[in-house]
Amino acid sequence: MTIDEAKQLEVKIANNVLNNIPFAQVVQILSNEATRRAKDAVDNASEEELVKMKEDFEKAEAELKAQQEANQPAPTNPPAEEQDKIDLPDGE
């Protein structure tokens, strides 16, 4: 088998593996890799870099929350606890 044929076979086997992996396993693999990379980033960062990352995340989360609140439509029905306070006629 030539090197090119071996590489083509490698690609076919890799595609077969990818096509037959259950979705839950794909998610687990990605989750494990994300966790590994996050740990690596934290382990290799200086104190200043960690503080900067934390501030950046907090800022992004606050901006997202503000944007979500700005895009929230006004509620059409009062919350359940307010509905309980509505006086209904006694039927007399």
C-alpha atoms as a PDB file:
ATOM      1  CA  MET A   1       0.000   0.000   0.000  1.00  0.00           C
ATOM      2  CA  THR A   2       1.409   3.396  -0.941  1.00  0.00           C
ATOM      3  CA  ILE A   3       1.537   6.352   1.450  1.00  0.00           C
ATOM      4  CA  ASP A   4      -1.260   8.071  -0.502  1.00  0.00           C
ATOM      5  CA  GLU A   5      -3.446   4.975  -0.337  1.00  0.00           C
ATOM      6  CA  ALA A   6      -2.819   4.683   3.392  1.00  0.00           C
ATOM      7  CA  LYS A   7      -3.782   8.337   3.897  1.00  0.00           C
ATOM      8  CA  GLN A   8      -6.966   7.865   1.856  1.00  0.00           C
ATOM      9  CA  LEU A   9      -7.830   4.801   3.940  1.00  0.00           C
ATOM     10  CA  GLU A  10      -7.149   6.822   7.095  1.00  0.00           C
ATOM     11  CA  VAL A  11      -9.612   9.495   5.928  1.00  0.00           C
ATOM     12  CA  LYS A  12     -12.271   6.875   5.165  1.00  0.00           C
ATOM     13  CA  ILE A  13     -11.845   5.257   8.583  1.00  0.00           C
ATOM     14  CA  ALA A  14     -11.963   8.653  10.335  1.00  0.00           C
ATOM     15  CA  ASN A  15     -15.155   9.567   8.462  1.00  0.00           C
ATOM     16  CA  ASN A  16     -16.682   6.218   9.373  1.00  0.00           C
ATOM     17  CA  VAL A  17     -15.857   6.771  13.039  1.00  0.00           C
ATOM     18  CA  LEU A  18     -17.316  10.304  12.937  1.00  0.00           C
ATOM     19  CA  ASN A  19     -20.479   9.120  11.199  1.00  0.00           C
ATOM     20  CA  ASN A  20     -21.097   6.438  13.806  1.00  0.00           C
ATOM     21  CA  ILE A  21     -20.459   8.350  17.043  1.00  0.00           C
ATOM     22  CA  PRO A  22     -23.657   8.950  19.046  1.00  0.00           C
ATOM     23  CA  PHE A  23     -24.440  12.644  19.521  1.00  0.00           C
ATOM     24  CA  ALA A  24     -24.270  12.349  23.314  1.00  0.00           C
ATOM     25  CA  GLN A  25     -20.703  11.069  23.018  1.00  0.00           C
ATOM     26  CA  VAL A  26     -19.787  13.986  20.732  1.00  0.00           C
ATOM     27  CA  VAL A  27     -21.110  16.417  23.338  1.00  0.00           C
ATOM     28  CA  GLN A  28     -19.168  14.619  26.084  1.00  0.00           C
ATOM     29  CA  ILE A  29     -15.937  14.738  24.063  1.00  0.00           C
ATOM     30  CA  LEU A  30     -16.385  18.453  23.378  1.00  0.00           C
ATOM     31  CA  SER A  31     -17.218  19.109  27.018  1.00  0.00           C
ATOM     32  CA  ASN A  32     -14.093  17.272  28.175  1.00  0.00           C
ATOM     33  CA  GLU A  33     -11.921  19.203  25.723  1.00  0.00           C
ATOM     34  CA  ALA A  34     -13.454  22.545  26.745  1.00  0.00           C
ATOM     35  CA  THR A  35     -12.840  21.720  30.406  1.00  0.00           C
ATOM     36  CA  ARG A  36      -9.243  20.704  29.662  1.00  0.00           C
ATOM     37  CA  ARG A  37      -8.581  23.926  27.755  1.00  0.00           C
ATOM     38  CA  ALA A  38     -10.166  26.049  30.482  1.00  0.00           C
ATOM     39  CA  LYS A  39      -8.022  24.372  33.146  1.00  0.00           C
ATOM     40  CA  ASP A  40      -4.937  24.854  30.966  1.00  0.00           C
ATOM     41  CA  ALA A  41      -5.760  28.560  30.500  1.00  0.00           C
ATOM     42  CA  VAL A  42      -6.245  29.087  34.242  1.00  0.00           C
ATOM     43  CA  ASP A  43      -3.170  27.053  35.211  1.00  0.00           C
ATOM     44  CA  ASN A  44      -0.922  28.999  32.816  1.00  0.00           C
ATOM     45  CA  ALA A  45      -2.271  32.510  33.443  1.00  0.00           C
ATOM     46  CA  SER A  46      -0.752  35.078  35.765  1.00  0.00           C
ATOM     47  CA  GLU A  47      -2.783  36.633  38.564  1.00  0.00           C
ATOM     48  CA  GLU A  48      -3.272  39.766  36.444  1.00  0.00           C
ATOM     49  CA  GLU A  49      -4.461  37.735  33.470  1.00  0.00           C
ATOM     50  CA  LEU A  50      -6.926  35.829  35.664  1.00  0.00           C
ATOM     51  CA  VAL A  51      -8.336  39.078  37.077  1.00  0.00           C
ATOM     52  CA  LYS A  52      -8.647  40.496  33.535  1.00  0.00           C
ATOM     53  CA  MET A  53     -10.424  37.338  32.297  1.00  0.00           C
ATOM     54  CA  LYS A  54     -12.834  37.469  35.229  1.00  0.00           C
ATOM     55  CA  GLU A  55     -13.581  41.159  34.602  1.00  0.00           C
ATOM     56  CA  ASP A  56     -14.110  40.505  30.887  1.00  0.00           C
ATOM     57  CA  PHE A  57     -16.571  37.685  31.625  1.00  0.00           C
ATOM     58  CA  GLU A  58     -18.460  39.769  34.180  1.00  0.00           C
ATOM     59  CA  LYS A  59     -18.691  42.675  31.736  1.00  0.00           C
ATOM     60  CA  ALA A  60     -19.929  40.421  28.914  1.00  0.00           C
ATOM     61  CA  GLU A  61     -22.502  38.776  31.202  1.00  0.00           C
ATOM     62  CA  ALA A  62     -23.779  42.165  32.388  1.00  0.00           C
ATOM     63  CA  GLU A  63     -24.069  43.420  28.797  1.00  0.00           C
ATOM     64  CA  LEU A  64     -25.952  40.273  27.767  1.00  0.00           C
ATOM     65  CA  LYS A  65     -28.324  40.586  30.718  1.00  0.00           C
ATOM     66  CA  ALA A  66     -28.995  44.256  29.930  1.00  0.00           C
ATOM     67  CA  GLN A  67     -29.637  43.424  26.286  1.00  0.00           C
ATOM     68  CA  GLN A  68     -32.002  40.589  27.214  1.00  0.00           C
ATOM     69  CA  GLU A  69     -33.894  42.833  29.625  1.00  0.00           C
ATOM     70  CA  ALA A  70     -34.159  45.570  26.997  1.00  0.00           C
ATOM     71  CA  ASN A  71     -35.576  43.086  24.486  1.00  0.00           C
ATOM     72  CA  GLN A  72     -38.114  41.553  26.899  1.00  0.00           C
ATOM     73  CA  PRO A  73     -41.695  42.312  25.902  1.00  0.00           C
ATOM     74  CA  ALA A  74     -43.926  43.676  28.635  1.00  0.00           C
ATOM     75  CA  PRO A  75     -45.843  40.845  30.303  1.00  0.00           C
ATOM     76  CA  THR A  76     -49.427  40.585  29.098  1.00  0.00           C
ATOM     77  CA  ASN A  77     -50.584  38.576  32.115  1.00  0.00           C
ATOM     78  CA  PRO A  78     -49.722  39.440  35.683  1.00  0.00           C
ATOM     79  CA  PRO A  79     -47.538  36.913  37.514  1.00  0.00           C
ATOM     80  CA  ALA A  80     -49.403  34.109  39.291  1.00  0.00           C
ATOM     81  CA  GLU A  81     -48.977  35.692  42.736  1.00  0.00           C
ATOM     82  CA  GLU A  82     -50.659  38.875  41.469  1.00  0.00           C
ATOM     83  CA  GLN A  83     -53.466  36.898  39.847  1.00  0.00           C
ATOM     84  CA  ASP A  84     -54.233  35.413  43.263  1.00  0.00           C
ATOM     85  CA  LYS A  85     -54.878  38.922  44.608  1.00  0.00           C
ATOM     86  CA  ILE A  86     -57.615  39.772  42.074  1.00  0.00           C
ATOM     87  CA  ASP A  87     -61.034  40.144  43.715  1.00  0.00           C
ATOM     88  CA  LEU A  88     -63.643  38.048  41.960  1.00  0.00           C
ATOM     89  CA  PRO A  89     -67.407  38.489  42.448  1.00  0.00           C
ATOM     90  CA  ASP A  90     -69.003  36.107  44.923  1.00  0.00           C
ATOM     91  CA  GLY A  91     -71.788  35.236  42.488  1.00  0.00           C
ATOM     92  CA  GLU A  92     -74.530  36.853  44.588  1.00  0.00           C
END
